[in-house]
Amino acid sequence: MKKQGLSKLDKVNLTSHFQGEKRNAFGFLVIPYSIPKQCTATYFPETNVLVPIKSKARISHTPASKTVIITVIKQ
């Protein structure tokens, strides 16, 4: 958070990136939480829109929502 200049309750937009496709989720609030650096936790289904349709698990072929690469942009 500090590295990106974010503070508690800042409003942000999230963008996922997969094979040149960008998907957006708007209007989220920043809440500090003890997780590893460069990680973000979000609620589902609110951020389902960020999960790339083409990113699927090998065996089940379900959308791979465990690892979604995103950028966080302060509004």
Protein backbone atom coordinates (compact mmCIF):
# COMPACT_ATOMS: atom_id res chain seq x y z
CA MET A 1 0.00 0.00 0.00
CA LYS A 2 2.71 2.46 0.95
CA LYS A 3 4.67 1.78 -2.23
CA GLN A 4 1.60 2.64 -4.31
CA GLY A 5 0.69 5.66 -2.20
CA LEU A 6 -2.52 4.10 -0.94
CA SER A 7 -4.15 4.71 2.42
CA LYS A 8 -7.01 3.11 4.32
CA LEU A 9 -10.39 3.76 2.64
CA ASP A 10 -8.90 5.17 -0.57
CA LYS A 11 -11.16 4.40 -3.52
CA VAL A 12 -9.51 2.34 -6.28
CA ASN A 13 -10.23 0.69 -9.60
CA LEU A 14 -8.85 -2.78 -10.39
CA THR A 15 -7.74 -4.02 -13.81
CA SER A 16 -6.78 -7.61 -14.61
CA HIS A 17 -4.33 -8.49 -17.38
CA PHE A 18 -4.28 -11.81 -19.26
CA GLN A 19 -2.98 -12.42 -22.79
CA GLY A 20 -3.51 -8.78 -23.77
CA GLU A 21 -7.08 -8.70 -22.43
CA LYS A 22 -7.97 -6.14 -19.75
CA ARG A 23 -10.97 -6.50 -17.45
CA ASN A 24 -12.08 -3.81 -14.96
CA ALA A 25 -13.78 -3.54 -11.59
CA PHE A 26 -14.52 -0.04 -10.32
CA GLY A 27 -15.02 1.66 -6.96
CA PHE A 28 -13.36 -0.53 -4.34
CA LEU A 29 -12.15 0.66 -0.93
CA VAL A 30 -8.63 -0.06 0.33
CA ILE A 31 -8.58 -1.95 3.64
CA PRO A 32 -5.20 -2.78 5.23
CA TYR A 33 -4.76 -6.46 5.99
CA SER A 34 -1.78 -8.63 6.87
CA ILE A 35 -1.06 -10.47 3.60
CA PRO A 36 2.17 -10.88 1.58
CA LYS A 37 3.52 -7.92 -0.38
CA GLN A 38 2.27 -7.64 -3.97
CA CYS A 39 -0.88 -9.59 -3.06
CA THR A 40 -4.45 -8.33 -3.06
CA ALA A 41 -7.50 -9.96 -1.54
CA THR A 42 -10.97 -9.26 -2.91
CA TYR A 43 -14.47 -10.54 -2.41
CA PHE A 44 -16.32 -12.70 -4.91
CA PRO A 45 -18.68 -12.38 -6.70
CA GLU A 46 -17.90 -8.64 -6.68
CA THR A 47 -14.62 -9.16 -8.54
CA ASN A 48 -15.61 -12.10 -10.75
CA VAL A 49 -15.41 -9.64 -13.63
CA LEU A 50 -11.59 -9.65 -13.22
CA VAL A 51 -11.27 -13.40 -13.86
CA PRO A 52 -10.16 -13.97 -17.48
CA ILE A 53 -12.54 -16.30 -19.33
CA LYS A 54 -9.62 -17.89 -21.23
CA SER A 55 -7.64 -18.69 -18.05
CA LYS A 56 -8.84 -22.17 -17.02
CA ALA A 57 -7.74 -24.94 -14.69
CA ARG A 58 -6.11 -27.86 -16.53
CA ILE A 59 -8.33 -30.66 -15.28
CA SER A 60 -11.69 -29.07 -14.39
CA HIS A 61 -11.60 -26.34 -17.07
CA THR A 62 -13.16 -23.90 -14.59
CA PRO A 63 -12.02 -20.25 -14.66
CA ALA A 64 -8.75 -19.89 -12.73
CA SER A 65 -9.70 -17.32 -10.11
CA LYS A 66 -6.96 -18.13 -7.57
CA THR A 67 -4.28 -16.18 -9.43
CA VAL A 68 -5.36 -13.08 -11.31
CA ILE A 69 -2.74 -10.45 -12.15
CA ILE A 70 -4.10 -6.96 -11.54
CA THR A 71 -3.13 -3.33 -11.28
CA VAL A 72 -4.64 -1.07 -8.63
CA ILE A 73 -5.32 2.55 -9.63
CA LYS A 74 -6.34 5.17 -7.10
CA GLN A 75 -9.39 7.20 -8.17
